[in-house]
Amino acid sequence: MRIGDLATKAQVSVRALRYYEEQGLLASTRSDSGQRHYGDKAVNRVQLIQQLYAAGLSSKTIAELLPCVDAGVSTPESRERLLAERDRINTQIADLILTRDRLNEIIDVTSRPNPQCDYV
């Protein structure tokens, strides 16, 4: 599929796809006229890259881990890296839960009628 088709299917910008290629995260072939073409698995690859970015991984880290993902095996180093990233994400989740709970408390307290706080 062409770059615009992949961008639409993966719900990312064409610019993002070009960046992923520059970073070595995504590969394409070129037609005789120089247009990029991607295989059917490219949509899943882009979605994985997006998830890893959203989880806070850098492009360098993603590039280091993708060969293990592609091969379906990990080295002791890559496994350690994956475990460390998972632990970091778990810590972020716990922190976000605490923040959400704190916000809920604030919402509850500030939802009570208070005649001194009339700023509608």
PDB file of N, CA and C in Angstrom:
ATOM      1  N   MET A   1       0.840  -1.176   0.000  1.00  0.00           N
ATOM      2  CA  MET A   1       0.000   0.000   0.000  1.00  0.00           C
ATOM      3  C   MET A   1       0.889   1.245   0.000  1.00  0.00           C
ATOM      4  N   ARG A   2       0.350   2.331  -0.487  1.00  0.00           N
ATOM      5  CA  ARG A   2       1.113   3.570  -0.558  1.00  0.00           C
ATOM      6  C   ARG A   2       1.054   4.298   0.781  1.00  0.00           C
ATOM      7  N   ILE A   3       1.909   5.285   0.927  1.00  0.00           N
ATOM      8  CA  ILE A   3       2.067   5.969   2.209  1.00  0.00           C
ATOM      9  C   ILE A   3       0.766   6.621   2.687  1.00  0.00           C
ATOM     10  N   GLY A   4       0.012   7.217   1.778  1.00  0.00           N
ATOM     11  CA  GLY A   4      -1.248   7.840   2.172  1.00  0.00           C
ATOM     12  C   GLY A   4      -2.261   6.825   2.665  1.00  0.00           C
ATOM     13  N   ASP A   5      -2.275   5.657   2.041  1.00  0.00           N
ATOM     14  CA  ASP A   5      -3.184   4.589   2.461  1.00  0.00           C
ATOM     15  C   ASP A   5      -2.810   4.090   3.856  1.00  0.00           C
ATOM     16  N   LEU A   6      -1.513   3.904   4.072  1.00  0.00           N
ATOM     17  CA  LEU A   6      -1.060   3.454   5.388  1.00  0.00           C
ATOM     18  C   LEU A   6      -1.380   4.498   6.450  1.00  0.00           C
ATOM     19  N   ALA A   7      -1.158   5.754   6.137  1.00  0.00           N
ATOM     20  CA  ALA A   7      -1.453   6.822   7.090  1.00  0.00           C
ATOM     21  C   ALA A   7      -2.930   6.805   7.477  1.00  0.00           C
ATOM     22  N   THR A   8      -3.789   6.618   6.502  1.00  0.00           N
ATOM     23  CA  THR A   8      -5.231   6.580   6.764  1.00  0.00           C
ATOM     24  C   THR A   8      -5.594   5.361   7.610  1.00  0.00           C
ATOM     25  N   LYS A   9      -5.117   4.199   7.228  1.00  0.00           N
ATOM     26  CA  LYS A   9      -5.461   2.963   7.938  1.00  0.00           C
ATOM     27  C   LYS A   9      -4.911   2.950   9.364  1.00  0.00           C
ATOM     28  N   ALA A  10      -3.715   3.488   9.551  1.00  0.00           N
ATOM     29  CA  ALA A  10      -3.086   3.488  10.877  1.00  0.00           C
ATOM     30  C   ALA A  10      -3.459   4.722  11.693  1.00  0.00           C
ATOM     31  N   GLN A  11      -4.154   5.662  11.058  1.00  0.00           N
ATOM     32  CA  GLN A  11      -4.591   6.896  11.703  1.00  0.00           C
ATOM     33  C   GLN A  11      -3.414   7.722  12.242  1.00  0.00           C
ATOM     34  N   VAL A  12      -2.407   7.874  11.390  1.00  0.00           N
ATOM     35  CA  VAL A  12      -1.263   8.725  11.694  1.00  0.00           C
ATOM     36  C   VAL A  12      -1.012   9.621  10.486  1.00  0.00           C
ATOM     37  N   SER A  13      -0.159  10.588  10.661  1.00  0.00           N
ATOM     38  CA  SER A  13       0.164  11.472   9.544  1.00  0.00           C
ATOM     39  C   SER A  13       1.226  10.845   8.649  1.00  0.00           C
ATOM     40  N   VAL A  14       1.257  11.295   7.411  1.00  0.00           N
ATOM     41  CA  VAL A  14       2.301  10.876   6.481  1.00  0.00           C
ATOM     42  C   VAL A  14       3.660  11.289   7.033  1.00  0.00           C
ATOM     43  N   ARG A  15       3.702  12.440   7.646  1.00  0.00           N
ATOM     44  CA  ARG A  15       4.950  12.928   8.233  1.00  0.00           C
ATOM     45  C   ARG A  15       5.462  11.968   9.304  1.00  0.00           C
ATOM     46  N   ALA A  16       4.548  11.425  10.124  1.00  0.00           N
ATOM     47  CA  ALA A  16       4.941  10.462  11.154  1.00  0.00           C
ATOM     48  C   ALA A  16       5.549   9.224  10.512  1.00  0.00           C
ATOM     49  N   LEU A  17       4.961   8.758   9.445  1.00  0.00           N
ATOM     50  CA  LEU A  17       5.487   7.564   8.773  1.00  0.00           C
ATOM     51  C   LEU A  17       6.883   7.815   8.218  1.00  0.00           C
ATOM     52  N   ARG A  18       7.084   8.978   7.651  1.00  0.00           N
ATOM     53  CA  ARG A  18       8.424   9.321   7.144  1.00  0.00           C
ATOM     54  C   ARG A  18       9.433   9.368   8.302  1.00  0.00           C
ATOM     55  N   TYR A  19       9.003   9.925   9.420  1.00  0.00           N
ATOM     56  CA  TYR A  19       9.870   9.977  10.605  1.00  0.00           C
ATOM     57  C   TYR A  19      10.212   8.567  11.076  1.00  0.00           C
ATOM     58  N   TYR A  20       9.220   7.681  11.130  1.00  0.00           N
ATOM     59  CA  TYR A  20       9.475   6.305  11.553  1.00  0.00           C
ATOM     60  C   TYR A  20      10.505   5.639  10.645  1.00  0.00           C
ATOM     61  N   GLU A  21      10.425   5.919   9.374  1.00  0.00           N
ATOM     62  CA  GLU A  21      11.423   5.375   8.446  1.00  0.00           C
ATOM     63  C   GLU A  21      12.804   5.951   8.727  1.00  0.00           C
ATOM     64  N   GLU A  22      12.868   7.250   8.940  1.00  0.00           N
ATOM     65  CA  GLU A  22      14.156   7.892   9.239  1.00  0.00           C
ATOM     66  C   GLU A  22      14.799   7.290  10.482  1.00  0.00           C
ATOM     67  N   GLN A  23      13.970   6.914  11.453  1.00  0.00           N
ATOM     68  CA  GLN A  23      14.456   6.356  12.711  1.00  0.00           C
ATOM     69  C   GLN A  23      14.733   4.853  12.621  1.00  0.00           C
ATOM     70  N   GLY A  24      14.429   4.248  11.481  1.00  0.00           N
ATOM     71  CA  GLY A  24      14.657   2.822  11.299  1.00  0.00           C
ATOM     72  C   GLY A  24      13.586   1.945  11.935  1.00  0.00           C
ATOM     73  N   LEU A  25      12.420   2.519  12.211  1.00  0.00           N
ATOM     74  CA  LEU A  25      11.339   1.785  12.862  1.00  0.00           C
ATOM     75  C   LEU A  25      10.394   1.129  11.865  1.00  0.00           C
ATOM     76  N   LEU A  26      10.395   1.610  10.648  1.00  0.00           N
ATOM     77  CA  LEU A  26       9.463   1.162   9.626  1.00  0.00           C
ATOM     78  C   LEU A  26      10.210   1.108   8.299  1.00  0.00           C
ATOM     79  N   ALA A  27       9.931   0.079   7.519  1.00  0.00           N
ATOM     80  CA  ALA A  27      10.607  -0.065   6.228  1.00  0.00           C
ATOM     81  C   ALA A  27       9.591  -0.053   5.094  1.00  0.00           C
ATOM     82  N   SER A  28      10.038   0.462   3.977  1.00  0.00           N
ATOM     83  CA  SER A  28       9.206   0.457   2.770  1.00  0.00           C
ATOM     84  C   SER A  28      10.078   0.056   1.593  1.00  0.00           C
ATOM     85  N   THR A  29       9.413  -0.278   0.528  1.00  0.00           N
ATOM     86  CA  THR A  29      10.102  -0.460  -0.737  1.00  0.00           C
ATOM     87  C   THR A  29       9.745   0.741  -1.601  1.00  0.00           C
ATOM     88  N   ARG A  30      10.493   0.934  -2.646  1.00  0.00           N
ATOM     89  CA  ARG A  30      10.228   2.069  -3.539  1.00  0.00           C
ATOM     90  C   ARG A  30       9.852   1.566  -4.923  1.00  0.00           C
ATOM     91  N   SER A  31       8.879   2.215  -5.501  1.00  0.00           N
ATOM     92  CA  SER A  31       8.503   1.909  -6.876  1.00  0.00           C
ATOM     93  C   SER A  31       9.533   2.542  -7.806  1.00  0.00           C
ATOM     94  N   ASP A  32       9.433   2.247  -9.074  1.00  0.00           N
ATOM     95  CA  ASP A  32      10.346   2.843 -10.055  1.00  0.00           C
ATOM     96  C   ASP A  32      10.265   4.367 -10.043  1.00  0.00           C
ATOM     97  N   SER A  33       9.080   4.891  -9.704  1.00  0.00           N
ATOM     98  CA  SER A  33       8.912   6.349  -9.674  1.00  0.00           C
ATOM     99  C   SER A  33       9.276   6.935  -8.307  1.00  0.00           C
ATOM    100  N   GLY A  34       9.735   6.083  -7.367  1.00  0.00           N
ATOM    101  CA  GLY A  34      10.195   6.569  -6.073  1.00  0.00           C
ATOM    102  C   GLY A  34       9.136   6.608  -4.987  1.00  0.00           C
ATOM    103  N   GLN A  35       7.933   6.129  -5.286  1.00  0.00           N
ATOM    104  CA  GLN A  35       6.882   6.131  -4.262  1.00  0.00           C
ATOM    105  C   GLN A  35       7.118   5.012  -3.249  1.00  0.00           C
ATOM    106  N   ARG A  36       6.822   5.329  -1.996  1.00  0.00           N
ATOM    107  CA  ARG A  36       6.951   4.334  -0.942  1.00  0.00           C
ATOM    108  C   ARG A  36       5.789   3.349  -1.012  1.00  0.00           C
ATOM    109  N   HIS A  37       6.117   2.079  -0.754  1.00  0.00           N
ATOM    110  CA  HIS A  37       5.102   1.035  -0.674  1.00  0.00           C
ATOM    111  C   HIS A  37       5.359   0.200   0.570  1.00  0.00           C
ATOM    112  N   TYR A  38       4.272  -0.134   1.264  1.00  0.00           N
ATOM    113  CA  TYR A  38       4.350  -0.873   2.523  1.00  0.00           C
ATOM    114  C   TYR A  38       3.571  -2.169   2.415  1.00  0.00           C
ATOM    115  N   GLY A  39       4.025  -3.170   3.152  1.00  0.00           N
ATOM    116  CA  GLY A  39       3.331  -4.447   3.200  1.00  0.00           C
ATOM    117  C   GLY A  39       2.100  -4.376   4.084  1.00  0.00           C
ATOM    118  N   ASP A  40       1.315  -5.448   4.056  1.00  0.00           N
ATOM    119  CA  ASP A  40       0.070  -5.498   4.821  1.00  0.00           C
ATOM    120  C   ASP A  40       0.291  -5.410   6.333  1.00  0.00           C
ATOM    121  N   LYS A  41       1.436  -5.856   6.816  1.00  0.00           N
ATOM    122  CA  LYS A  41       1.705  -5.840   8.259  1.00  0.00           C
ATOM    123  C   LYS A  41       2.118  -4.458   8.772  1.00  0.00           C
ATOM    124  N   ALA A  42       2.270  -3.511   7.866  1.00  0.00           N
ATOM    125  CA  ALA A  42       2.735  -2.179   8.258  1.00  0.00           C
ATOM    126  C   ALA A  42       1.748  -1.479   9.184  1.00  0.00           C
ATOM    127  N   VAL A  43       0.452  -1.712   9.018  1.00  0.00           N
ATOM    128  CA  VAL A  43      -0.538  -1.060   9.885  1.00  0.00           C
ATOM    129  C   VAL A  43      -0.317  -1.500  11.331  1.00  0.00           C
ATOM    130  N   ASN A  44      -0.156  -2.802  11.545  1.00  0.00           N
ATOM    131  CA  ASN A  44       0.100  -3.304  12.905  1.00  0.00           C
ATOM    132  C   ASN A  44       1.408  -2.763  13.454  1.00  0.00           C
ATOM    133  N   ARG A  45       2.414  -2.661  12.615  1.00  0.00           N
ATOM    134  CA  ARG A  45       3.719  -2.146  13.034  1.00  0.00           C
ATOM    135  C   ARG A  45       3.578  -0.693  13.493  1.00  0.00           C
ATOM    136  N   VAL A  46       2.879   0.110  12.714  1.00  0.00           N
ATOM    137  CA  VAL A  46       2.696   1.525  13.057  1.00  0.00           C
ATOM    138  C   VAL A  46       1.899   1.648  14.355  1.00  0.00           C
ATOM    139  N   GLN A  47       0.871   0.833  14.518  1.00  0.00           N
ATOM    140  CA  GLN A  47       0.088   0.875  15.755  1.00  0.00           C
ATOM    141  C   GLN A  47       0.942   0.494  16.964  1.00  0.00           C
ATOM    142  N   LEU A  48       1.815  -0.490  16.805  1.00  0.00           N
ATOM    143  CA  LEU A  48       2.729  -0.854  17.894  1.00  0.00           C
ATOM    144  C   LEU A  48       3.666   0.306  18.214  1.00  0.00           C
ATOM    145  N   ILE A  49       4.227   0.907  17.196  1.00  0.00           N
ATOM    146  CA  ILE A  49       5.123   2.057  17.398  1.00  0.00           C
ATOM    147  C   ILE A  49       4.383   3.167  18.134  1.00  0.00           C
ATOM    148  N   GLN A  50       3.156   3.445  17.730  1.00  0.00           N
ATOM    149  CA  GLN A  50       2.354   4.480  18.382  1.00  0.00           C
ATOM    150  C   GLN A  50       2.115   4.144  19.855  1.00  0.00           C
ATOM    151  N   GLN A  51       1.808   2.889  20.145  1.00  0.00           N
ATOM    152  CA  GLN A  51       1.576   2.481  21.534  1.00  0.00           C
ATOM    153  C   GLN A  51       2.838   2.649  22.361  1.00  0.00           C
ATOM    154  N   LEU A  52       3.975   2.271  21.799  1.00  0.00           N
ATOM    155  CA  LEU A  52       5.234   2.385  22.536  1.00  0.00           C
ATOM    156  C   LEU A  52       5.595   3.848  22.778  1.00  0.00           C
ATOM    157  N   TYR A  53       5.369   4.701  21.773  1.00  0.00           N
ATOM    158  CA  TYR A  53       5.578   6.135  21.973  1.00  0.00           C
ATOM    159  C   TYR A  53       4.645   6.668  23.053  1.00  0.00           C
ATOM    160  N   ALA A  54       3.389   6.285  22.991  1.00  0.00           N
ATOM    161  CA  ALA A  54       2.406   6.758  23.975  1.00  0.00           C
ATOM    162  C   ALA A  54       2.774   6.309  25.385  1.00  0.00           C
ATOM    163  N   ALA A  55       3.452   5.178  25.488  1.00  0.00           N
ATOM    164  CA  ALA A  55       3.880   4.676  26.794  1.00  0.00           C
ATOM    165  C   ALA A  55       5.155   5.360  27.277  1.00  0.00           C
ATOM    166  N   GLY A  56       5.723   6.235  26.446  1.00  0.00           N
ATOM    167  CA  GLY A  56       6.882   7.006  26.873  1.00  0.00           C
ATOM    168  C   GLY A  56       8.218   6.481  26.397  1.00  0.00           C
ATOM    169  N   LEU A  57       8.236   5.469  25.552  1.00  0.00           N
ATOM    170  CA  LEU A  57       9.504   4.965  25.044  1.00  0.00           C
ATOM    171  C   LEU A  57      10.038   5.905  23.975  1.00  0.00           C
ATOM    172  N   SER A  58      11.337   6.044  23.928  1.00  0.00           N
ATOM    173  CA  SER A  58      11.969   6.895  22.921  1.00  0.00           C
ATOM    174  C   SER A  58      12.118   6.124  21.614  1.00  0.00           C
ATOM    175  N   SER A  59      12.354   6.842  20.531  1.00  0.00           N
ATOM    176  CA  SER A  59      12.546   6.170  19.249  1.00  0.00           C
ATOM    177  C   SER A  59      13.781   5.277  19.295  1.00  0.00           C
ATOM    178  N   LYS A  60      14.792   5.683  20.027  1.00  0.00           N
ATOM    179  CA  LYS A  60      16.006   4.865  20.160  1.00  0.00           C
ATOM    180  C   LYS A  60      15.683   3.549  20.861  1.00  0.00           C
ATOM    181  N   THR A  61      14.927   3.621  21.946  1.00  0.00           N
ATOM    182  CA  THR A  61      14.547   2.409  22.674  1.00  0.00           C
ATOM    183  C   THR A  61      13.685   1.508  21.807  1.00  0.00           C
ATOM    184  N   ILE A  62      12.728   2.106  21.108  1.00  0.00           N
ATOM    185  CA  ILE A  62      11.858   1.327  20.227  1.00  0.00           C
ATOM    186  C   ILE A  62      12.696   0.640  19.155  1.00  0.00           C
ATOM    187  N   ALA A  63      13.638   1.360  18.565  1.00  0.00           N
ATOM    188  CA  ALA A  63      14.492   0.783  17.526  1.00  0.00           C
ATOM    189  C   ALA A  63      15.313  -0.384  18.065  1.00  0.00           C
ATOM    190  N   GLU A  64      15.733  -0.285  19.310  1.00  0.00           N
ATOM    191  CA  GLU A  64      16.506  -1.372  19.919  1.00  0.00           C
ATOM    192  C   GLU A  64      15.649  -2.602  20.189  1.00  0.00           C
ATOM    193  N   LEU A  65      14.370  -2.386  20.484  1.00  0.00           N
ATOM    194  CA  LEU A  65      13.497  -3.500  20.863  1.00  0.00           C
ATOM    195  C   LEU A  65      12.792  -4.160  19.682  1.00  0.00           C
ATOM    196  N   LEU A  66      12.558  -3.436  18.611  1.00  0.00           N
ATOM    197  CA  LEU A  66      11.799  -3.987  17.494  1.00  0.00           C
ATOM    198  C   LEU A  66      12.416  -5.236  16.862  1.00  0.00           C
ATOM    199  N   PRO A  67      13.738  -5.338  16.743  1.00  0.00           N
ATOM    200  CA  PRO A  67      14.281  -6.586  16.189  1.00  0.00           C
ATOM    201  C   PRO A  67      13.895  -7.817  17.034  1.00  0.00           C
ATOM    202  N   CYS A  68      13.822  -7.655  18.332  1.00  0.00           N
ATOM    203  CA  CYS A  68      13.398  -8.761  19.194  1.00  0.00           C
ATOM    204  C   CYS A  68      11.916  -9.069  18.981  1.00  0.00           C
ATOM    205  N   VAL A  69      11.128  -8.022  18.800  1.00  0.00           N
ATOM    206  CA  VAL A  69       9.706  -8.208  18.514  1.00  0.00           C
ATOM    207  C   VAL A  69       9.554  -8.956  17.194  1.00  0.00           C
ATOM    208  N   ASP A  70      10.308  -8.536  16.185  1.00  0.00           N
ATOM    209  CA  ASP A  70      10.229  -9.161  14.862  1.00  0.00           C
ATOM    210  C   ASP A  70      10.646 -10.629  14.911  1.00  0.00           C
ATOM    211  N   ALA A  71      11.695 -10.926  15.671  1.00  0.00           N
ATOM    212  CA  ALA A  71      12.201 -12.299  15.756  1.00  0.00           C
ATOM    213  C   ALA A  71      11.384 -13.158  16.713  1.00  0.00           C
ATOM    214  N   GLY A  72      10.626 -12.516  17.590  1.00  0.00           N
ATOM    215  CA  GLY A  72       9.843 -13.260  18.571  1.00  0.00           C
ATOM    216  C   GLY A  72      10.676 -13.839  19.692  1.00  0.00           C
ATOM    217  N   VAL A  73      11.871 -13.297  19.881  1.00  0.00           N
ATOM    218  CA  VAL A  73      12.764 -13.736  20.963  1.00  0.00           C
ATOM    219  C   VAL A  73      13.419 -12.505  21.564  1.00  0.00           C
ATOM    220  N   SER A  74      13.975 -12.681  22.740  1.00  0.00           N
ATOM    221  CA  SER A  74      14.676 -11.561  23.360  1.00  0.00           C
ATOM    222  C   SER A  74      16.026 -12.025  23.884  1.00  0.00           C
ATOM    223  N   THR A  75      16.936 -11.090  23.910  1.00  0.00           N
ATOM    224  CA  THR A  75      18.222 -11.332  24.546  1.00  0.00           C
ATOM    225  C   THR A  75      18.054 -10.999  26.021  1.00  0.00           C
ATOM    226  N   PRO A  76      18.973 -11.410  26.865  1.00  0.00           N
ATOM    227  CA  PRO A  76      18.870 -11.011  28.275  1.00  0.00           C
ATOM    228  C   PRO A  76      18.816  -9.487  28.437  1.00  0.00           C
ATOM    229  N   GLU A  77      19.549  -8.773  27.606  1.00  0.00           N
ATOM    230  CA  GLU A  77      19.563  -7.313  27.692  1.00  0.00           C
ATOM    231  C   GLU A  77      18.220  -6.715  27.276  1.00  0.00           C
ATOM    232  N   SER A  78      17.672  -7.220  26.170  1.00  0.00           N
ATOM    233  CA  SER A  78      16.402  -6.661  25.712  1.00  0.00           C
ATOM    234  C   SER A  78      15.274  -7.034  26.670  1.00  0.00           C
ATOM    235  N   ARG A  79      15.338  -8.233  27.228  1.00  0.00           N
ATOM    236  CA  ARG A  79      14.318  -8.632  28.212  1.00  0.00           C
ATOM    237  C   ARG A  79      14.390  -7.729  29.438  1.00  0.00           C
ATOM    238  N   GLU A  80      15.595  -7.425  29.883  1.00  0.00           N
ATOM    239  CA  GLU A  80      15.777  -6.524  31.022  1.00  0.00           C
ATOM    240  C   GLU A  80      15.228  -5.138  30.691  1.00  0.00           C
ATOM    241  N   ARG A  81      15.456  -4.691  29.486  1.00  0.00           N
ATOM    242  CA  ARG A  81      14.955  -3.384  29.045  1.00  0.00           C
ATOM    243  C   ARG A  81      13.429  -3.371  29.022  1.00  0.00           C
ATOM    244  N   LEU A  82      12.843  -4.461  28.497  1.00  0.00           N
ATOM    245  CA  LEU A  82      11.381  -4.567  28.470  1.00  0.00           C
ATOM    246  C   LEU A  82      10.801  -4.572  29.878  1.00  0.00           C
ATOM    247  N   LEU A  83      11.427  -5.308  30.773  1.00  0.00           N
ATOM    248  CA  LEU A  83      10.950  -5.361  32.155  1.00  0.00           C
ATOM    249  C   LEU A  83      11.060  -3.986  32.825  1.00  0.00           C
ATOM    250  N   ALA A  84      12.155  -3.286  32.559  1.00  0.00           N
ATOM    251  CA  ALA A  84      12.341  -1.954  33.140  1.00  0.00           C
ATOM    252  C   ALA A  84      11.280  -0.986  32.613  1.00  0.00           C
ATOM    253  N   GLU A  85      10.979  -1.062  31.312  1.00  0.00           N
ATOM    254  CA  GLU A  85       9.953  -0.194  30.738  1.00  0.00           C
ATOM    255  C   GLU A  85       8.584  -0.531  31.321  1.00  0.00           C
ATOM    256  N   ARG A  86       8.303  -1.818  31.479  1.00  0.00           N
ATOM    257  CA  ARG A  86       7.029  -2.216  32.085  1.00  0.00           C
ATOM    258  C   ARG A  86       6.918  -1.682  33.510  1.00  0.00           C
ATOM    259  N   ASP A  87       8.007  -1.786  34.277  1.00  0.00           N
ATOM    260  CA  ASP A  87       7.995  -1.273  35.653  1.00  0.00           C
ATOM    261  C   ASP A  87       7.788   0.239  35.677  1.00  0.00           C
ATOM    262  N   ARG A  88       8.422   0.939  34.739  1.00  0.00           N
ATOM    263  CA  ARG A  88       8.261   2.391  34.658  1.00  0.00           C
ATOM    264  C   ARG A  88       6.804   2.737  34.351  1.00  0.00           C
ATOM    265  N   ILE A  89       6.203   2.005  33.431  1.00  0.00           N
ATOM    266  CA  ILE A  89       4.800   2.248  33.076  1.00  0.00           C
ATOM    267  C   ILE A  89       3.892   1.939  34.256  1.00  0.00           C
ATOM    268  N   ASN A  90       4.158   0.855  34.967  1.00  0.00           N
ATOM    269  CA  ASN A  90       3.362   0.517  36.151  1.00  0.00           C
ATOM    270  C   ASN A  90       3.437   1.624  37.201  1.00  0.00           C
ATOM    271  N   THR A  91       4.610   2.211  37.361  1.00  0.00           N
ATOM    272  CA  THR A  91       4.763   3.324  38.298  1.00  0.00           C
ATOM    273  C   THR A  91       3.958   4.530  37.824  1.00  0.00           C
ATOM    274  N   GLN A  92       3.991   4.804  36.536  1.00  0.00           N
ATOM    275  CA  GLN A  92       3.204   5.909  35.980  1.00  0.00           C
ATOM    276  C   GLN A  92       1.715   5.679  36.212  1.00  0.00           C
ATOM    277  N   ILE A  93       1.272   4.453  35.996  1.00  0.00           N
ATOM    278  CA  ILE A  93      -0.142   4.128  36.201  1.00  0.00           C
ATOM    279  C   ILE A  93      -0.526   4.361  37.649  1.00  0.00           C
ATOM    280  N   ALA A  94       0.303   3.901  38.573  1.00  0.00           N
ATOM    281  CA  ALA A  94       0.014   4.083  40.001  1.00  0.00           C
ATOM    282  C   ALA A  94      -0.043   5.571  40.345  1.00  0.00           C
ATOM    283  N   ASP A  95       0.889   6.344  39.798  1.00  0.00           N
ATOM    284  CA  ASP A  95       0.888   7.789  40.048  1.00  0.00           C
ATOM    285  C   ASP A  95      -0.361   8.448  39.462  1.00  0.00           C
ATOM    286  N   LEU A  96      -0.766   8.021  38.281  1.00  0.00           N
ATOM    287  CA  LEU A  96      -1.972   8.575  37.662  1.00  0.00           C
ATOM    288  C   LEU A  96      -3.220   8.225  38.463  1.00  0.00           C
ATOM    289  N   ILE A  97      -3.273   7.029  39.008  1.00  0.00           N
ATOM    290  CA  ILE A  97      -4.412   6.636  39.837  1.00  0.00           C
ATOM    291  C   ILE A  97      -4.486   7.516  41.078  1.00  0.00           C
ATOM    292  N   LEU A  98      -3.353   7.768  41.698  1.00  0.00           N
ATOM    293  CA  LEU A  98      -3.327   8.657  42.868  1.00  0.00           C
ATOM    294  C   LEU A  98      -3.795  10.062  42.500  1.00  0.00           C
ATOM    295  N   THR A  99      -3.337  10.547  41.358  1.00  0.00           N
ATOM    296  CA  THR A  99      -3.738  11.876  40.909  1.00  0.00           C
ATOM    297  C   THR A  99      -5.232  11.914  40.606  1.00  0.00           C
ATOM    298  N   ARG A 100      -5.750  10.887  39.951  1.00  0.00           N
ATOM    299  CA  ARG A 100      -7.180  10.825  39.680  1.00  0.00           C
ATOM    300  C   ARG A 100      -7.977  10.815  40.969  1.00  0.00           C
ATOM    301  N   ASP A 101      -7.546  10.017  41.949  1.00  0.00           N
ATOM    302  CA  ASP A 101      -8.249   9.955  43.225  1.00  0.00           C
ATOM    303  C   ASP A 101      -8.226  11.308  43.926  1.00  0.00           C
ATOM    304  N   ARG A 102      -7.111  11.993  43.838  1.00  0.00           N
ATOM    305  CA  ARG A 102      -6.996  13.326  44.441  1.00  0.00           C
ATOM    306  C   ARG A 102      -7.942  14.305  43.765  1.00  0.00           C
ATOM    307  N   LEU A 103      -8.006  14.236  42.444  1.00  0.00           N
ATOM    308  CA  LEU A 103      -8.931  15.101  41.706  1.00  0.00           C
ATOM    309  C   LEU A 103     -10.379  14.788  42.072  1.00  0.00           C
ATOM    310  N   ASN A 104     -10.703  13.519  42.237  1.00  0.00           N
ATOM    311  CA  ASN A 104     -12.056  13.148  42.657  1.00  0.00           C
ATOM    312  C   ASN A 104     -12.400  13.754  44.013  1.00  0.00           C
ATOM    313  N   GLU A 105     -11.430  13.736  44.912  1.00  0.00           N
ATOM    314  CA  GLU A 105     -11.648  14.355  46.229  1.00  0.00           C
ATOM    315  C   GLU A 105     -11.916  15.849  46.081  1.00  0.00           C
ATOM    316  N   ILE A 106     -11.136  16.508  45.247  1.00  0.00           N
ATOM    317  CA  ILE A 106     -11.309  17.946  45.032  1.00  0.00           C
ATOM    318  C   ILE A 106     -12.670  18.221  44.402  1.00  0.00           C
ATOM    319  N   ILE A 107     -13.054  17.413  43.447  1.00  0.00           N
ATOM    320  CA  ILE A 107     -14.366  17.582  42.808  1.00  0.00           C
ATOM    321  C   ILE A 107     -15.473  17.412  43.839  1.00  0.00           C
ATOM    322  N   ASP A 108     -15.357  16.404  44.686  1.00  0.00           N
ATOM    323  CA  ASP A 108     -16.370  16.174  45.716  1.00  0.00           C
ATOM    324  C   ASP A 108     -16.472  17.366  46.667  1.00  0.00           C
ATOM    325  N   VAL A 109     -15.328  17.843  47.123  1.00  0.00           N
ATOM    326  CA  VAL A 109     -15.316  18.955  48.083  1.00  0.00           C
ATOM    327  C   VAL A 109     -15.850  20.227  47.443  1.00  0.00           C
ATOM    328  N   THR A 110     -15.452  20.478  46.218  1.00  0.00           N
ATOM    329  CA  THR A 110     -15.858  21.726  45.573  1.00  0.00           C
ATOM    330  C   THR A 110     -17.257  21.656  44.969  1.00  0.00           C
ATOM    331  N   SER A 111     -17.858  20.488  44.978  1.00  0.00           N
ATOM    332  CA  SER A 111     -19.224  20.351  44.453  1.00  0.00           C
ATOM    333  C   SER A 111     -20.276  20.689  45.494  1.00  0.00           C
ATOM    334  N   ARG A 112     -19.865  20.806  46.741  1.00  0.00           N
ATOM    335  CA  ARG A 112     -20.820  21.164  47.807  1.00  0.00           C
ATOM    336  C   ARG A 112     -21.158  22.640  47.694  1.00  0.00           C
ATOM    337  N   PRO A 113     -22.418  22.999  47.925  1.00  0.00           N
ATOM    338  CA  PRO A 113     -22.796  24.402  47.848  1.00  0.00           C
ATOM    339  C   PRO A 113     -22.035  25.236  48.885  1.00  0.00           C
ATOM    340  N   ASN A 114     -21.550  26.357  48.462  1.00  0.00           N
ATOM    341  CA  ASN A 114     -20.838  27.256  49.370  1.00  0.00           C
ATOM    342  C   ASN A 114     -21.187  28.687  48.964  1.00  0.00           C
ATOM    343  N   PRO A 115     -21.965  29.367  49.780  1.00  0.00           N
ATOM    344  CA  PRO A 115     -22.391  30.726  49.396  1.00  0.00           C
ATOM    345  C   PRO A 115     -21.227  31.704  49.277  1.00  0.00           C
ATOM    346  N   GLN A 116     -20.094  31.431  49.925  1.00  0.00           N
ATOM    347  CA  GLN A 116     -18.950  32.337  49.843  1.00  0.00           C
ATOM    348  C   GLN A 116     -18.165  32.144  48.556  1.00  0.00           C
ATOM    349  N   CYS A 117     -18.496  31.116  47.833  1.00  0.00           N
ATOM    350  CA  CYS A 117     -17.720  30.781  46.619  1.00  0.00           C
ATOM    351  C   CYS A 117     -18.674  30.784  45.434  1.00  0.00           C
ATOM    352  N   ASP A 118     -19.224  31.933  45.117  1.00  0.00           N
ATOM    353  CA  ASP A 118     -20.223  32.055  44.063  1.00  0.00           C
ATOM    354  C   ASP A 118     -19.567  32.649  42.807  1.00  0.00           C
ATOM    355  N   TYR A 119     -18.936  31.822  42.019  1.00  0.00           N
ATOM    356  CA  TYR A 119     -18.237  32.287  40.816  1.00  0.00           C
ATOM    357  C   TYR A 119     -18.737  31.559  39.586  1.00  0.00           C
ATOM    358  N   VAL A 120     -20.037  31.638  39.372  1.00  0.00           N
ATOM    359  CA  VAL A 120     -20.645  30.972  38.207  1.00  0.00           C
ATOM    360  C   VAL A 120     -20.490  31.845  37.000  1.00  0.00           C
TER     361      VAL A 120
END
